Amino acid sequence: MGRAENKSKYRKVSVWNWMGTLILCSIPGVNLIALILFIIFAKAQSKRSFAIAMLVLELLCAALIIAAFLVFPDQLAQFAADLRGGDAVLVMPQG
């Protein structure tokens, strides 16, 4: 069990490869496709682990945003209207 065995077990990812990965992950829409492809086809375990962690974080953020819109629709509509500088528009009909 020497160094030769450890080197063959893990592949190194270059700085340029990480830079390309981060650029792809910063493009909305493309990032989800890229992360799924990294999970399936990445040869380096570090890149696969990064893709899994990023995908879990994105799904968690999406779930929190959806929950916020379900729990606070009027407050979020008012906040959006304040940002636009106009009157609030109801997001959900009141019944």
N, C-alpha and C. Protein backbone atom coordinates (compact mmCIF):
# COMPACT_ATOMS: atom_id res chain seq x y z
N MET A 1 0.84 -1.19 0.00
CA MET A 1 0.00 0.00 0.00
C MET A 1 0.88 1.24 0.00
N GLY A 2 1.39 1.57 -1.12
CA GLY A 2 2.25 2.74 -1.22
C GLY A 2 1.53 3.91 -1.87
N ARG A 3 2.34 4.86 -2.25
CA ARG A 3 1.78 6.05 -2.88
C ARG A 3 1.21 5.76 -4.26
N ALA A 4 1.76 4.80 -4.94
CA ALA A 4 1.28 4.48 -6.29
C ALA A 4 -0.18 4.05 -6.26
N GLU A 5 -0.55 3.31 -5.22
CA GLU A 5 -1.93 2.86 -5.11
C GLU A 5 -2.87 4.03 -4.84
N ASN A 6 -2.46 4.96 -3.99
CA ASN A 6 -3.28 6.13 -3.68
C ASN A 6 -3.43 7.04 -4.90
N LYS A 7 -2.38 7.18 -5.71
CA LYS A 7 -2.45 8.03 -6.89
C LYS A 7 -3.43 7.48 -7.91
N SER A 8 -3.47 6.18 -8.09
CA SER A 8 -4.37 5.60 -9.08
C SER A 8 -5.82 5.61 -8.59
N LYS A 9 -6.00 5.69 -7.28
CA LYS A 9 -7.35 5.65 -6.72
C LYS A 9 -8.09 6.98 -6.93
N TYR A 10 -7.38 8.11 -6.80
CA TYR A 10 -8.01 9.42 -6.90
C TYR A 10 -7.43 10.19 -8.08
N ARG A 11 -8.28 10.81 -8.87
CA ARG A 11 -7.84 11.65 -9.97
C ARG A 11 -7.81 13.10 -9.51
N LYS A 12 -6.79 13.80 -9.95
CA LYS A 12 -6.68 15.22 -9.62
C LYS A 12 -7.52 16.03 -10.60
N VAL A 13 -8.05 17.13 -10.10
CA VAL A 13 -8.81 18.07 -10.94
C VAL A 13 -7.99 19.35 -10.99
N SER A 14 -7.70 19.82 -12.20
CA SER A 14 -6.86 21.00 -12.35
C SER A 14 -7.61 22.27 -11.98
N VAL A 15 -6.84 23.33 -11.80
CA VAL A 15 -7.43 24.64 -11.48
C VAL A 15 -8.32 25.10 -12.63
N TRP A 16 -7.87 24.93 -13.86
CA TRP A 16 -8.67 25.34 -15.03
C TRP A 16 -9.98 24.56 -15.10
N ASN A 17 -9.93 23.28 -14.75
CA ASN A 17 -11.14 22.46 -14.73
C ASN A 17 -12.12 22.98 -13.69
N TRP A 18 -11.62 23.34 -12.49
CA TRP A 18 -12.49 23.89 -11.46
C TRP A 18 -13.06 25.24 -11.89
N MET A 19 -12.24 26.06 -12.56
CA MET A 19 -12.75 27.36 -13.03
C MET A 19 -13.88 27.17 -14.04
N GLY A 20 -13.71 26.22 -14.95
CA GLY A 20 -14.78 25.92 -15.90
C GLY A 20 -16.03 25.40 -15.21
N THR A 21 -15.83 24.58 -14.20
CA THR A 21 -16.96 24.05 -13.44
C THR A 21 -17.72 25.18 -12.75
N LEU A 22 -16.99 26.10 -12.12
CA LEU A 22 -17.64 27.21 -11.42
C LEU A 22 -18.35 28.16 -12.39
N ILE A 23 -17.77 28.37 -13.56
CA ILE A 23 -18.44 29.21 -14.57
C ILE A 23 -19.73 28.54 -15.03
N LEU A 24 -19.69 27.24 -15.30
CA LEU A 24 -20.91 26.53 -15.69
C LEU A 24 -21.97 26.57 -14.60
N CYS A 25 -21.54 26.47 -13.35
CA CYS A 25 -22.48 26.47 -12.23
C CYS A 25 -23.06 27.86 -11.96
N SER A 26 -22.49 28.89 -12.55
CA SER A 26 -23.02 30.24 -12.33
C SER A 26 -24.05 30.64 -13.38
N ILE A 27 -24.27 29.83 -14.40
CA ILE A 27 -25.24 30.14 -15.44
C ILE A 27 -26.58 29.49 -15.08
N PRO A 28 -27.63 30.29 -14.86
CA PRO A 28 -28.93 29.71 -14.49
C PRO A 28 -29.45 28.76 -15.57
N GLY A 29 -30.00 27.66 -15.14
CA GLY A 29 -30.53 26.66 -16.06
C GLY A 29 -29.47 25.67 -16.50
N VAL A 30 -28.36 26.18 -16.97
CA VAL A 30 -27.25 25.33 -17.39
C VAL A 30 -26.66 24.61 -16.19
N ASN A 31 -26.69 25.29 -15.03
CA ASN A 31 -26.07 24.70 -13.84
C ASN A 31 -26.73 23.38 -13.44
N LEU A 32 -28.03 23.29 -13.53
CA LEU A 32 -28.71 22.05 -13.15
C LEU A 32 -28.31 20.91 -14.07
N ILE A 33 -28.28 21.18 -15.37
CA ILE A 33 -27.89 20.15 -16.34
C ILE A 33 -26.44 19.75 -16.13
N ALA A 34 -25.57 20.75 -15.93
CA ALA A 34 -24.14 20.46 -15.73
C ALA A 34 -23.93 19.64 -14.46
N LEU A 35 -24.62 19.99 -13.38
CA LEU A 35 -24.44 19.25 -12.13
C LEU A 35 -24.89 17.80 -12.26
N ILE A 36 -25.99 17.59 -12.95
CA ILE A 36 -26.47 16.21 -13.16
C ILE A 36 -25.46 15.43 -14.00
N LEU A 37 -24.91 16.08 -15.04
CA LEU A 37 -23.91 15.41 -15.86
C LEU A 37 -22.63 15.13 -15.08
N PHE A 38 -22.23 16.06 -14.21
CA PHE A 38 -21.05 15.83 -13.38
C PHE A 38 -21.27 14.64 -12.44
N ILE A 39 -22.47 14.54 -11.89
CA ILE A 39 -22.76 13.42 -10.98
C ILE A 39 -22.66 12.09 -11.73
N ILE A 40 -23.13 12.07 -12.98
CA ILE A 40 -23.14 10.83 -13.74
C ILE A 40 -21.77 10.49 -14.33
N PHE A 41 -21.10 11.50 -14.93
CA PHE A 41 -19.92 11.20 -15.73
C PHE A 41 -18.58 11.63 -15.15
N ALA A 42 -18.54 12.28 -14.00
CA ALA A 42 -17.26 12.75 -13.46
C ALA A 42 -16.38 11.58 -13.06
N LYS A 43 -15.11 11.66 -13.46
CA LYS A 43 -14.16 10.62 -13.10
C LYS A 43 -13.52 10.89 -11.75
N ALA A 44 -13.46 12.15 -11.36
CA ALA A 44 -12.85 12.52 -10.08
C ALA A 44 -13.93 12.53 -8.99
N GLN A 45 -13.64 11.87 -7.88
CA GLN A 45 -14.59 11.80 -6.77
C GLN A 45 -14.87 13.18 -6.19
N SER A 46 -13.87 14.06 -6.19
CA SER A 46 -14.08 15.40 -5.63
C SER A 46 -15.10 16.19 -6.45
N LYS A 47 -15.04 16.05 -7.77
CA LYS A 47 -16.00 16.76 -8.62
C LYS A 47 -17.40 16.18 -8.46
N ARG A 48 -17.51 14.89 -8.33
CA ARG A 48 -18.81 14.25 -8.11
C ARG A 48 -19.41 14.68 -6.77
N SER A 49 -18.60 14.73 -5.74
CA SER A 49 -19.08 15.16 -4.42
C SER A 49 -19.51 16.62 -4.45
N PHE A 50 -18.74 17.46 -5.14
CA PHE A 50 -19.10 18.87 -5.28
C PHE A 50 -20.44 19.02 -5.98
N ALA A 51 -20.64 18.25 -7.05
CA ALA A 51 -21.89 18.34 -7.81
C ALA A 51 -23.08 17.89 -6.96
N ILE A 52 -22.92 16.85 -6.18
CA ILE A 52 -24.00 16.38 -5.31
C ILE A 52 -24.33 17.45 -4.26
N ALA A 53 -23.30 18.02 -3.65
CA ALA A 53 -23.53 19.04 -2.62
C ALA A 53 -24.21 20.27 -3.21
N MET A 54 -23.78 20.72 -4.39
CA MET A 54 -24.40 21.89 -5.02
C MET A 54 -25.85 21.61 -5.40
N LEU A 55 -26.12 20.43 -5.91
CA LEU A 55 -27.50 20.09 -6.29
C LEU A 55 -28.40 20.04 -5.07
N VAL A 56 -27.92 19.48 -3.97
CA VAL A 56 -28.71 19.44 -2.73
C VAL A 56 -28.98 20.86 -2.23
N LEU A 57 -27.97 21.73 -2.27
CA LEU A 57 -28.16 23.12 -1.83
C LEU A 57 -29.16 23.86 -2.72
N GLU A 58 -29.09 23.65 -4.03
CA GLU A 58 -30.02 24.31 -4.93
C GLU A 58 -31.45 23.83 -4.70
N LEU A 59 -31.63 22.54 -4.48
CA LEU A 59 -32.97 22.02 -4.21
C LEU A 59 -33.50 22.53 -2.88
N LEU A 60 -32.64 22.63 -1.88
CA LEU A 60 -33.04 23.17 -0.59
C LEU A 60 -33.45 24.63 -0.71
N CYS A 61 -32.69 25.42 -1.43
CA CYS A 61 -33.04 26.84 -1.63
C CYS A 61 -34.35 26.98 -2.40
N ALA A 62 -34.54 26.16 -3.42
CA ALA A 62 -35.80 26.21 -4.18
C ALA A 62 -36.98 25.86 -3.29
N ALA A 63 -36.83 24.85 -2.42
CA ALA A 63 -37.90 24.47 -1.52
C ALA A 63 -38.21 25.59 -0.52
N LEU A 64 -37.18 26.26 -0.03
CA LEU A 64 -37.40 27.38 0.90
C LEU A 64 -38.09 28.55 0.22
N ILE A 65 -37.74 28.83 -1.01
CA ILE A 65 -38.38 29.92 -1.75
C ILE A 65 -39.85 29.60 -2.02
N ILE A 66 -40.14 28.38 -2.42
CA ILE A 66 -41.53 27.99 -2.65
C ILE A 66 -42.32 28.06 -1.35
N ALA A 67 -41.74 27.61 -0.25
CA ALA A 67 -42.42 27.68 1.04
C ALA A 67 -42.68 29.13 1.44
N ALA A 68 -41.73 30.02 1.17
CA ALA A 68 -41.93 31.44 1.49
C ALA A 68 -43.07 32.02 0.68
N PHE A 69 -43.19 31.66 -0.59
CA PHE A 69 -44.29 32.16 -1.41
C PHE A 69 -45.63 31.59 -0.97
N LEU A 70 -45.64 30.38 -0.43
CA LEU A 70 -46.90 29.80 0.06
C LEU A 70 -47.32 30.37 1.40
N VAL A 71 -46.35 30.71 2.25
CA VAL A 71 -46.66 31.19 3.59
C VAL A 71 -46.87 32.70 3.63
N PHE A 72 -46.10 33.45 2.85
CA PHE A 72 -46.15 34.92 2.89
C PHE A 72 -46.43 35.53 1.53
N PRO A 73 -47.51 35.17 0.84
CA PRO A 73 -47.72 35.70 -0.51
C PRO A 73 -47.97 37.21 -0.53
N ASP A 74 -48.76 37.72 0.41
CA ASP A 74 -49.08 39.15 0.42
C ASP A 74 -47.86 40.00 0.77
N GLN A 75 -47.09 39.54 1.74
CA GLN A 75 -45.89 40.30 2.14
C GLN A 75 -44.87 40.32 1.01
N LEU A 76 -44.72 39.21 0.30
CA LEU A 76 -43.77 39.18 -0.82
C LEU A 76 -44.26 40.03 -1.98
N ALA A 77 -45.58 40.05 -2.21
CA ALA A 77 -46.12 40.91 -3.27
C ALA A 77 -45.91 42.38 -2.91
N GLN A 78 -46.11 42.73 -1.66
CA GLN A 78 -45.88 44.10 -1.23
C GLN A 78 -44.41 44.47 -1.34
N PHE A 79 -43.54 43.56 -0.96
CA PHE A 79 -42.10 43.80 -1.06
C PHE A 79 -41.67 44.00 -2.51
N ALA A 80 -42.21 43.18 -3.41
CA ALA A 80 -41.89 43.32 -4.83
C ALA A 80 -42.42 44.65 -5.37
N ALA A 81 -43.60 45.05 -4.94
CA ALA A 81 -44.16 46.33 -5.37
C ALA A 81 -43.33 47.49 -4.84
N ASP A 82 -42.87 47.38 -3.62
CA ASP A 82 -42.00 48.43 -3.06
C ASP A 82 -40.70 48.54 -3.84
N LEU A 83 -40.17 47.43 -4.26
CA LEU A 83 -38.94 47.46 -5.05
C LEU A 83 -39.17 48.11 -6.42
N ARG A 84 -40.35 47.86 -7.00
CA ARG A 84 -40.69 48.47 -8.29
C ARG A 84 -41.13 49.91 -8.14
N GLY A 85 -41.57 50.29 -6.95
CA GLY A 85 -42.04 51.65 -6.72
C GLY A 85 -43.51 51.85 -7.05
N GLY A 86 -44.28 50.77 -7.10
CA GLY A 86 -45.70 50.87 -7.44
C GLY A 86 -46.58 50.25 -6.39
N ASP A 87 -47.85 50.03 -6.76
CA ASP A 87 -48.82 49.41 -5.85
C ASP A 87 -48.68 47.89 -5.90
N ALA A 88 -49.07 47.27 -4.80
CA ALA A 88 -48.98 45.82 -4.72
C ALA A 88 -50.09 45.17 -5.54
N VAL A 89 -49.76 44.06 -6.17
CA VAL A 89 -50.73 43.26 -6.91
C VAL A 89 -50.88 41.96 -6.15
N LEU A 90 -52.14 41.55 -5.92
CA LEU A 90 -52.37 40.30 -5.18
C LEU A 90 -51.85 39.11 -5.96
N VAL A 91 -51.10 38.28 -5.28
CA VAL A 91 -50.54 37.08 -5.92
C VAL A 91 -51.58 35.97 -5.92
N MET A 92 -52.29 35.81 -4.79
CA MET A 92 -53.29 34.76 -4.65
C MET A 92 -54.65 35.42 -4.33
N PRO A 93 -55.71 34.96 -4.99
CA PRO A 93 -57.03 35.52 -4.67
C PRO A 93 -57.45 35.17 -3.25
N GLN A 94 -58.09 36.11 -2.60
CA GLN A 94 -58.56 35.87 -1.25
C GLN A 94 -59.97 35.29 -1.31
N GLY A 95 -60.20 34.27 -0.51
CA GLY A 95 -61.49 33.63 -0.61
C GLY A 95 -62.12 33.29 0.65
